Amino acid sequence: MNLDYRKWIPIPAGLLVLGLAIGAGQSGDSGRVKAFVGARLLDGSGKPAIEKATLIVRDGKVEAVGPASSVRPPAGAQLISLGGKTVIPGLVNAHAHLSDVQGLRSGPQFYTEENVLRQLGLYARYGITTVWSLGGDGDPAVKLRDSQDTPSLTRARIYFAGPVIVGKTPDQARQMVAKAAAMKPDVVKIRVDDNLGSSQKMAPEVYRAVIEESHRRGFRVAVHIFYLDDAKSLLRAGADFIAHSVRDQDVDDEFLSLMKQRNICYCPTFTRELSTYVYDSVPAFFKDSFFLRGADREVMRQLQEPERMAAMRSSKSAQGYKAAMPVARRNLKKVADAGIRIAMGTDTGAAPGRFQGYFEHLELEMMAESGLTPQQVLRAATADAAACIERSDRLGTLEPGKWADFLVLDKNPLEDIRNTKSLRSVWIAGNELQR
């Protein structure tokens, strides 16, 4: 079942709207100001939870937040009771794709504004309120990014990289950067990987030219890597964001030092790896009711075809990526223990079988299984992810002046990160999404 983003509309009520003003009232505030009361609130910063919190939202942004004893709803506000619930910031995916994939098909004919909106709607319904699309982006992404700073927003926010730079010579690479720069992207993306020996890797002189030209034009560079040696070489060349786990060997002190020198963020993308081999049989999550909320049933059916599963079981690359997963898990723990910022990311949207929305919650679970605490994982998907994409001035935490993008959960994710799947409602710019 595919749910249409257009069926999700803002409604004037939350879980329970008491529909009354507190105090003498200024009726002109009604509809513009909402007061969410009674929930446990985790603001995303890592500070202790605020019990029985009050969250005031005006014109799509947080106006005030704190315990009920110190923050009182303004006169005329809509009063929305969230007693017994937990509120967290909307989740930020620092490696996603809004792409030309439609079901199991892909191609430029599918990269349309309608399809990009469909994907943004799908992300939003699962509580992923911001996505950093790292490559393959076109004009619809530009239009949607440039129109999203509005109190009426009812879909996930998008920031993007534009086309992945793939020049074969330094001059070609510089020309591609210049062309991408015309889109005013939020970052530039390159791939430095040989796909387990099956393709040619971008040469060092080329990626150095990309980084130099991008920096000259004021853009940071996110890099797709697999190998530790490549990651270190790219960091020495000035790369600004490591968009995948190091997966060939354990990271060493030199790598950790290079990351810390410029406060570079590390994005593990475990579920990208998972998608390369998990469909050699029917995965357990195919029975998860949370997954089934928005899963494409036709994609599920095709992924369970016996011939397809048999091909994955015999695939050399699938087994190679499967063998790399334990290395990636160890490296995430080492990077986190070194005090390096982690940004949650999944690489969803780039290929069928990487289920947008659900895989982000699965990613959180896999990060916790790798040794991170629920608090560390939640920060990686909120405050730290927003900082890593350079949007912490407006996203990632529930603080005054930032957009009121948040989730209402039935259970506390600090007790078990899997509790993010107890998602009760999603609010973007203070607007509740309604199926």
Protein backbone atom coordinates (compact mmCIF):
# COMPACT_ATOMS: atom_id res chain seq x y z
CA MET A 1 0.00 0.00 0.00
CA ASN A 2 1.40 3.38 -0.97
CA LEU A 3 0.06 6.26 1.11
CA ASP A 4 -0.23 9.52 -0.77
CA TYR A 5 1.52 12.48 0.87
CA ARG A 6 -1.39 14.64 -0.25
CA LYS A 7 -3.69 12.81 2.14
CA TRP A 8 -1.64 14.05 5.08
CA ILE A 9 -2.95 17.49 5.97
CA PRO A 10 -2.56 19.76 8.97
CA ILE A 11 -5.47 19.52 11.36
CA PRO A 12 -6.29 21.99 14.11
CA ALA A 13 -6.20 19.39 16.84
CA GLY A 14 -3.57 17.15 18.37
CA LEU A 15 -4.16 13.99 20.30
CA LEU A 16 -6.65 15.82 22.49
CA VAL A 17 -7.56 19.45 21.91
CA LEU A 18 -9.23 20.94 24.89
CA GLY A 19 -10.41 23.78 22.72
CA LEU A 20 -10.28 26.46 25.33
CA ALA A 21 -8.23 29.55 26.00
CA ILE A 22 -6.43 30.13 29.25
CA GLY A 23 -7.04 33.53 30.76
CA ALA A 24 -9.04 36.44 29.43
CA GLY A 25 -7.81 35.64 25.95
CA GLN A 26 -6.84 37.26 22.72
CA SER A 27 -8.82 35.30 20.20
CA GLY A 28 -6.57 36.55 17.43
CA ASP A 29 -3.88 34.08 18.60
CA SER A 30 -6.17 31.07 18.10
CA GLY A 31 -4.85 28.88 15.29
CA ARG A 32 -1.48 30.61 15.22
CA VAL A 33 -0.41 29.63 18.74
CA LYS A 34 -0.49 26.10 20.10
CA ALA A 35 0.39 24.96 23.61
CA PHE A 36 1.38 21.30 24.00
CA VAL A 37 1.13 20.31 27.64
CA GLY A 38 1.78 17.37 29.90
CA ALA A 39 4.34 15.30 27.97
CA ARG A 40 7.82 14.19 28.89
CA LEU A 41 9.98 16.29 26.55
CA LEU A 42 13.48 15.43 25.30
CA ASP A 43 14.75 18.55 23.58
CA GLY A 44 17.50 16.75 21.61
CA SER A 45 20.41 18.48 23.33
CA GLY A 46 21.14 15.65 25.74
CA LYS A 47 19.79 17.56 28.74
CA PRO A 48 17.59 15.67 31.20
CA ALA A 49 13.99 15.16 30.16
CA ILE A 50 11.48 17.81 31.11
CA GLU A 51 8.60 16.07 32.85
CA LYS A 52 5.10 17.52 32.39
CA ALA A 53 6.50 19.99 29.90
CA THR A 54 4.83 22.89 28.14
CA LEU A 55 5.81 23.58 24.52
CA ILE A 56 4.56 26.80 22.94
CA VAL A 57 4.50 27.02 19.13
CA ARG A 58 3.76 30.25 17.31
CA ASP A 59 3.71 30.56 13.51
CA GLY A 60 5.45 27.22 13.09
CA LYS A 61 8.35 27.87 15.47
CA VAL A 62 9.09 27.12 19.10
CA GLU A 63 8.36 30.17 21.21
CA ALA A 64 8.98 28.68 24.64
CA VAL A 65 9.61 25.29 26.23
CA GLY A 66 10.01 24.20 29.83
CA PRO A 67 8.27 22.70 32.84
CA ALA A 68 4.64 23.69 33.43
CA SER A 69 5.75 25.53 36.55
CA SER A 70 7.72 28.07 34.50
CA VAL A 71 6.08 28.12 31.05
CA ARG A 72 2.39 29.02 30.86
CA PRO A 73 0.28 28.87 27.70
CA PRO A 74 -0.57 32.33 26.34
CA ALA A 75 -4.13 33.52 26.30
CA GLY A 76 -6.05 32.32 23.27
CA ALA A 77 -3.73 29.42 22.46
CA GLN A 78 -5.00 26.04 21.36
CA LEU A 79 -4.31 23.72 24.28
CA ILE A 80 -3.19 20.24 23.26
CA SER A 81 -2.84 17.61 25.97
CA LEU A 82 -0.04 15.05 25.59
CA GLY A 83 -0.17 13.54 29.05
CA GLY A 84 1.66 10.21 29.25
CA LYS A 85 3.47 10.75 25.94
CA THR A 86 7.09 11.55 25.10
CA VAL A 87 8.01 14.36 22.72
CA ILE A 88 11.30 14.35 20.79
CA PRO A 89 12.60 16.52 17.93
CA GLY A 90 11.88 15.33 14.41
CA LEU A 91 14.52 12.91 13.16
CA VAL A 92 17.18 14.19 10.73
CA ASN A 93 18.59 11.81 8.12
CA ALA A 94 22.06 13.06 7.17
CA HIS A 95 22.43 10.63 4.26
CA ALA A 96 19.29 10.05 2.25
CA HIS A 97 18.25 10.31 -1.38
CA LEU A 98 15.24 11.88 -3.07
CA SER A 99 15.74 10.03 -6.28
CA ASP A 100 14.38 8.68 -9.54
CA VAL A 101 13.31 5.38 -7.96
CA GLN A 102 9.67 4.34 -8.24
CA GLY A 103 9.01 0.88 -6.84
CA LEU A 104 11.63 -1.43 -8.35
CA ARG A 105 12.04 0.82 -11.38
CA SER A 106 14.34 3.77 -11.78
CA GLY A 107 15.20 6.28 -14.46
CA PRO A 108 15.16 9.99 -15.21
CA GLN A 109 11.48 9.82 -16.18
CA PHE A 110 10.70 9.17 -12.51
CA TYR A 111 12.58 12.20 -11.19
CA THR A 112 9.59 14.52 -11.01
CA GLU A 113 8.32 16.96 -8.43
CA GLU A 114 5.43 14.61 -7.74
CA ASN A 115 7.76 11.69 -7.01
CA VAL A 116 10.06 13.80 -4.84
CA LEU A 117 7.03 14.99 -2.87
CA ARG A 118 5.85 11.40 -2.53
CA GLN A 119 9.18 10.46 -0.97
CA LEU A 120 9.22 13.49 1.33
CA GLY A 121 5.74 12.55 2.46
CA LEU A 122 6.82 8.98 3.15
CA TYR A 123 9.79 10.11 5.21
CA ALA A 124 7.59 12.50 7.16
CA ARG A 125 4.99 9.88 8.02
CA TYR A 126 7.72 7.87 9.72
CA GLY A 127 8.94 10.90 11.68
CA ILE A 128 11.92 11.75 9.46
CA THR A 129 11.25 15.46 9.24
CA THR A 130 14.50 16.50 7.50
CA VAL A 131 16.56 14.73 4.84
CA TRP A 132 19.96 15.59 3.41
CA SER A 133 19.81 14.16 -0.09
CA LEU A 134 23.36 13.26 -1.08
CA GLY A 135 23.28 13.06 -4.84
CA GLY A 136 21.13 12.70 -7.91
CA ASP A 137 19.11 15.83 -7.18
CA GLY A 138 17.56 18.05 -9.81
CA ASP A 139 15.41 21.14 -10.21
CA PRO A 140 12.44 19.82 -8.18
CA ALA A 141 14.74 19.57 -5.15
CA VAL A 142 15.79 23.18 -5.62
CA LYS A 143 12.19 24.35 -5.82
CA LEU A 144 11.08 22.37 -2.77
CA ARG A 145 14.04 23.42 -0.61
CA ASP A 146 13.58 27.07 -1.49
CA SER A 147 9.87 27.01 -0.59
CA GLN A 148 9.96 25.08 2.70
CA ASP A 149 10.63 27.82 5.25
CA THR A 150 6.95 28.42 5.89
CA PRO A 151 4.60 27.83 8.84
CA SER A 152 2.26 25.89 6.54
CA LEU A 153 4.77 23.10 5.74
CA THR A 154 3.36 19.54 5.95
CA ARG A 155 6.15 17.34 4.54
CA ALA A 156 9.79 16.57 5.30
CA ARG A 157 12.37 19.27 4.67
CA ILE A 158 15.01 18.68 2.01
CA TYR A 159 18.59 19.85 1.62
CA PHE A 160 20.60 18.46 -1.25
CA ALA A 161 23.92 17.85 -2.98
CA GLY A 162 22.88 18.07 -6.62
CA PRO A 163 24.57 15.69 -9.09
CA VAL A 164 27.36 13.46 -7.78
CA ILE A 165 30.67 14.70 -9.21
CA VAL A 166 32.19 11.97 -11.39
CA GLY A 167 34.80 13.69 -13.57
CA LYS A 168 37.69 11.52 -14.78
CA THR A 169 40.24 14.32 -14.90
CA PRO A 170 40.85 17.32 -12.61
CA ASP A 171 39.60 19.71 -15.30
CA GLN A 172 36.41 17.70 -15.87
CA ALA A 173 35.82 17.57 -12.12
CA ARG A 174 36.22 21.31 -11.73
CA GLN A 175 33.77 21.90 -14.57
CA MET A 176 31.23 19.59 -12.94
CA VAL A 177 31.60 21.42 -9.64
CA ALA A 178 30.99 24.72 -11.43
CA LYS A 179 27.84 23.31 -13.02
CA ALA A 180 26.59 21.91 -9.72
CA ALA A 181 27.30 25.23 -7.99
CA ALA A 182 24.72 26.92 -10.21
CA MET A 183 22.04 24.93 -8.33
CA LYS A 184 23.28 26.43 -5.03
CA PRO A 185 23.47 23.01 -3.37
CA ASP A 186 23.90 22.55 0.35
CA VAL A 187 26.93 20.30 -0.14
CA VAL A 188 28.93 18.65 -2.95
CA LYS A 189 29.14 14.83 -3.11
CA ILE A 190 31.78 12.48 -4.54
CA ARG A 191 32.25 8.71 -4.54
CA VAL A 192 35.68 7.21 -3.90
CA ASP A 193 35.02 3.48 -4.06
CA ASP A 194 35.65 0.56 -6.39
CA ASN A 195 32.49 -1.35 -5.37
CA LEU A 196 34.46 -4.30 -3.96
CA GLY A 197 36.82 -4.32 -6.92
CA SER A 198 34.19 -4.24 -9.66
CA SER A 199 34.75 -0.67 -10.88
CA GLN A 200 37.43 2.00 -11.12
CA LYS A 201 37.92 4.29 -8.18
CA MET A 202 38.16 8.09 -8.52
CA ALA A 203 41.83 9.06 -8.69
CA PRO A 204 43.38 11.16 -5.89
CA GLU A 205 44.25 14.04 -8.24
CA VAL A 206 40.60 14.19 -9.29
CA TYR A 207 39.06 14.19 -5.83
CA ARG A 208 41.62 16.72 -4.64
CA ALA A 209 40.50 18.99 -7.52
CA VAL A 210 36.84 18.53 -6.52
CA ILE A 211 37.54 19.42 -2.91
CA GLU A 212 39.70 22.41 -3.81
CA GLU A 213 37.18 23.80 -6.33
CA SER A 214 34.22 23.21 -4.01
CA HIS A 215 35.93 24.97 -1.12
CA ARG A 216 36.91 27.84 -3.39
CA ARG A 217 33.23 28.28 -4.21
CA GLY A 218 32.14 27.98 -0.59
CA PHE A 219 30.78 24.42 -0.56
CA ARG A 220 31.65 21.54 1.74
CA VAL A 221 32.30 18.07 0.31
CA ALA A 222 30.67 14.82 1.48
CA VAL A 223 32.49 11.64 0.49
CA HIS A 224 31.32 8.09 -0.15
CA ILE A 225 34.06 5.74 1.04
CA PHE A 226 34.60 2.08 1.89
CA TYR A 227 38.31 1.74 2.64
CA LEU A 228 40.23 3.20 5.57
CA ASP A 229 43.17 4.35 3.42
CA ASP A 230 40.84 6.28 1.12
CA ALA A 231 39.08 7.89 4.06
CA LYS A 232 42.38 9.12 5.51
CA SER A 233 43.60 10.41 2.16
CA LEU A 234 40.34 12.29 1.62
CA LEU A 235 40.51 13.81 5.10
CA ARG A 236 44.04 15.03 4.41
CA ALA A 237 42.74 16.56 1.18
CA GLY A 238 40.07 18.47 3.09
CA ALA A 239 36.90 16.31 2.89
CA ASP A 240 34.19 17.65 5.20
CA PHE A 241 31.83 14.72 5.85
CA ILE A 242 32.37 10.94 5.89
CA ALA A 243 29.13 9.64 4.43
CA HIS A 244 29.57 5.90 5.13
CA SER A 245 31.28 3.59 7.59
CA VAL A 246 34.86 2.51 7.11
CA ARG A 247 34.26 -1.15 6.36
CA ASP A 248 37.48 -2.88 5.29
CA GLN A 249 39.41 -2.72 8.58
CA ASP A 250 39.28 -1.22 12.04
CA VAL A 251 39.89 2.52 12.16
CA ASP A 252 43.22 3.57 13.67
CA ASP A 253 44.46 6.47 15.76
CA GLU A 254 45.49 8.43 12.66
CA PHE A 255 41.96 8.30 11.27
CA LEU A 256 40.46 9.39 14.59
CA SER A 257 42.95 12.24 14.84
CA LEU A 258 42.19 13.44 11.30
CA MET A 259 38.47 13.41 12.09
CA LYS A 260 38.91 15.35 15.33
CA GLN A 261 41.25 17.98 13.89
CA ARG A 262 38.41 19.62 11.95
CA ASN A 263 35.44 18.18 13.87
CA ILE A 264 34.35 16.03 10.91
CA CYS A 265 31.12 14.04 11.24
CA TYR A 266 30.82 10.30 10.66
CA CYS A 267 27.69 8.76 9.12
CA PRO A 268 27.49 4.93 9.53
CA THR A 269 24.64 3.98 7.10
CA PHE A 270 24.32 0.42 8.44
CA THR A 271 21.02 -0.16 6.67
CA ARG A 272 22.64 0.56 3.31
CA GLU A 273 24.85 -2.45 3.98
CA LEU A 274 21.91 -4.47 5.26
CA SER A 275 19.96 -3.91 2.05
CA THR A 276 22.71 -5.55 -0.02
CA TYR A 277 22.25 -8.99 1.53
CA VAL A 278 19.15 -9.17 3.77
CA TYR A 279 16.80 -10.22 0.96
CA ASP A 280 18.48 -13.59 0.53
CA SER A 281 15.51 -14.72 2.63
CA VAL A 282 12.39 -13.04 3.96
CA PRO A 283 13.58 -10.46 6.52
CA ALA A 284 11.93 -10.39 9.93
CA PHE A 285 10.93 -6.75 9.54
CA PHE A 286 8.51 -7.69 6.75
CA LYS A 287 6.16 -8.69 9.60
CA ASP A 288 6.68 -5.52 11.62
CA SER A 289 3.42 -3.57 11.78
CA PHE A 290 5.37 -0.31 11.89
CA PHE A 291 7.13 -1.26 8.65
CA LEU A 292 3.82 -2.21 7.05
CA ARG A 293 2.35 1.24 7.70
CA GLY A 294 3.94 2.59 4.55
CA ALA A 295 5.75 -0.27 2.82
CA ASP A 296 5.26 -0.74 -0.90
CA ARG A 297 3.63 -4.18 -1.07
CA GLU A 298 4.61 -4.72 -4.69
CA VAL A 299 8.27 -4.13 -3.86
CA MET A 300 7.92 -6.55 -0.96
CA ARG A 301 6.39 -9.16 -3.26
CA GLN A 302 9.17 -8.88 -5.82
CA LEU A 303 11.91 -8.99 -3.18
CA GLN A 304 10.48 -12.33 -2.03
CA GLU A 305 10.62 -13.98 -5.44
CA PRO A 306 12.58 -17.25 -5.06
CA GLU A 307 14.86 -16.52 -8.00
CA ARG A 308 15.77 -13.09 -6.65
CA MET A 309 16.52 -14.45 -3.17
CA ALA A 310 18.63 -17.27 -4.62
CA ALA A 311 20.63 -14.78 -6.69
CA MET A 312 21.37 -12.72 -3.58
CA ARG A 313 22.49 -15.81 -1.66
CA SER A 314 25.03 -16.58 -4.39
CA SER A 315 26.10 -12.98 -4.96
CA LYS A 316 29.76 -12.34 -4.24
CA SER A 317 29.14 -8.66 -3.54
CA ALA A 318 26.25 -9.43 -1.16
CA GLN A 319 28.45 -11.74 0.86
CA GLY A 320 31.27 -9.20 0.77
CA TYR A 321 29.09 -6.47 2.21
CA LYS A 322 27.67 -8.87 4.78
CA ALA A 323 31.19 -9.68 5.94
CA ALA A 324 31.92 -5.94 6.23
CA MET A 325 29.06 -5.29 8.66
CA PRO A 326 30.86 -6.40 11.85
CA VAL A 327 33.78 -4.14 10.93
CA ALA A 328 31.41 -1.21 10.44
CA ARG A 329 29.78 -1.87 13.82
CA ARG A 330 33.12 -1.94 15.64
CA ASN A 331 34.21 1.24 13.93
CA LEU A 332 31.09 3.16 14.95
CA LYS A 333 31.77 2.36 18.61
CA LYS A 334 35.42 3.40 18.26
CA VAL A 335 34.47 6.67 16.56
CA ALA A 336 31.84 7.44 19.20
CA ASP A 337 34.21 6.61 22.06
CA ALA A 338 36.73 9.04 20.56
CA GLY A 339 34.19 11.86 20.92
CA ILE A 340 33.59 12.30 17.19
CA ARG A 341 30.13 13.47 16.19
CA ILE A 342 27.89 10.83 14.66
CA ALA A 343 25.18 11.74 12.14
CA MET A 344 22.42 9.23 11.58
CA GLY A 345 22.08 8.32 7.92
CA THR A 346 20.83 5.39 5.87
CA ASP A 347 21.39 5.96 2.14
CA THR A 348 17.69 5.20 1.67
CA GLY A 349 16.01 6.13 -1.60
CA ALA A 350 19.00 5.37 -3.79
CA ALA A 351 17.79 1.88 -4.68
CA PRO A 352 14.71 -0.32 -4.25
CA GLY A 353 14.66 -2.25 -1.02
CA ARG A 354 16.09 0.63 1.02
CA PHE A 355 12.78 1.52 2.58
CA GLN A 356 12.51 5.25 3.22
CA GLY A 357 11.19 6.09 6.66
CA TYR A 358 11.33 2.65 8.23
CA PHE A 359 15.03 2.05 7.64
CA GLU A 360 15.87 5.15 9.68
CA HIS A 361 14.29 3.57 12.76
CA LEU A 362 16.07 0.31 11.97
CA GLU A 363 19.32 2.28 11.69
CA LEU A 364 18.82 3.65 15.20
CA GLU A 365 18.32 0.13 16.51
CA MET A 366 21.48 -1.12 14.78
CA MET A 367 23.49 1.80 16.18
CA ALA A 368 22.37 0.86 19.69
CA GLU A 369 23.25 -2.78 19.06
CA SER A 370 26.75 -1.58 18.15
CA GLY A 371 27.27 -0.20 21.64
CA LEU A 372 25.89 3.34 21.61
CA THR A 373 23.51 4.38 24.37
CA PRO A 374 19.95 5.44 23.50
CA GLN A 375 20.95 9.01 24.40
CA GLN A 376 23.89 8.90 21.96
CA VAL A 377 21.72 7.44 19.23
CA LEU A 378 18.98 10.02 19.71
CA ARG A 379 21.48 12.88 19.57
CA ALA A 380 22.93 11.41 16.38
CA ALA A 381 19.47 11.62 14.80
CA THR A 382 18.56 15.09 16.09
CA ALA A 383 20.97 17.73 17.41
CA ASP A 384 24.18 16.24 16.04
CA ALA A 385 22.72 15.38 12.64
CA ALA A 386 21.38 18.93 12.31
CA ALA A 387 24.81 20.32 13.25
CA CYS A 388 26.55 18.03 10.79
CA ILE A 389 24.39 19.32 7.92
CA GLU A 390 24.88 22.88 9.21
CA ARG A 391 21.23 23.48 10.06
CA SER A 392 21.44 23.57 13.85
CA ASP A 393 20.30 27.19 13.77
CA ARG A 394 16.81 26.05 12.80
CA LEU A 395 16.51 22.27 13.38
CA GLY A 396 17.55 19.36 15.57
CA THR A 397 16.47 20.58 19.01
CA LEU A 398 13.28 21.98 20.49
CA GLU A 399 14.51 25.42 21.48
CA PRO A 400 13.04 28.90 21.01
CA GLY A 401 13.38 30.21 17.47
CA LYS A 402 13.67 26.81 15.79
CA TRP A 403 11.06 25.14 13.64
CA ALA A 404 8.56 23.12 15.65
CA ASP A 405 9.30 19.77 14.00
CA PHE A 406 8.68 17.04 16.57
CA LEU A 407 7.34 13.57 17.22
CA VAL A 408 4.92 12.32 19.84
CA LEU A 409 5.73 8.82 21.08
CA ASP A 410 3.82 6.45 23.33
CA LYS A 411 7.06 5.23 24.95
CA ASN A 412 10.35 6.74 26.07
CA PRO A 413 13.22 6.13 23.58
CA LEU A 414 15.83 6.64 26.32
CA GLU A 415 14.62 3.40 27.88
CA ASP A 416 14.87 1.55 24.56
CA ILE A 417 15.70 3.24 21.26
CA ARG A 418 13.22 0.93 19.55
CA ASN A 419 10.54 3.01 21.23
CA THR A 420 10.85 5.54 18.40
CA LYS A 421 8.56 3.09 16.62
CA SER A 422 5.81 3.87 19.14
CA LEU A 423 5.14 6.89 16.95
CA ARG A 424 1.77 8.46 17.73
CA SER A 425 1.90 11.65 15.68
CA VAL A 426 4.25 13.81 13.60
CA TRP A 427 4.30 17.60 13.70
CA ILE A 428 6.12 19.76 11.15
CA ALA A 429 6.17 23.54 11.70
CA GLY A 430 3.57 22.87 14.37
CA ASN A 431 1.22 21.16 11.89
CA GLU A 432 0.07 17.64 12.64
CA LEU A 433 0.23 15.17 9.75
CA GLN A 434 -2.98 13.24 9.31
CA ARG A 435 -3.44 10.05 7.36
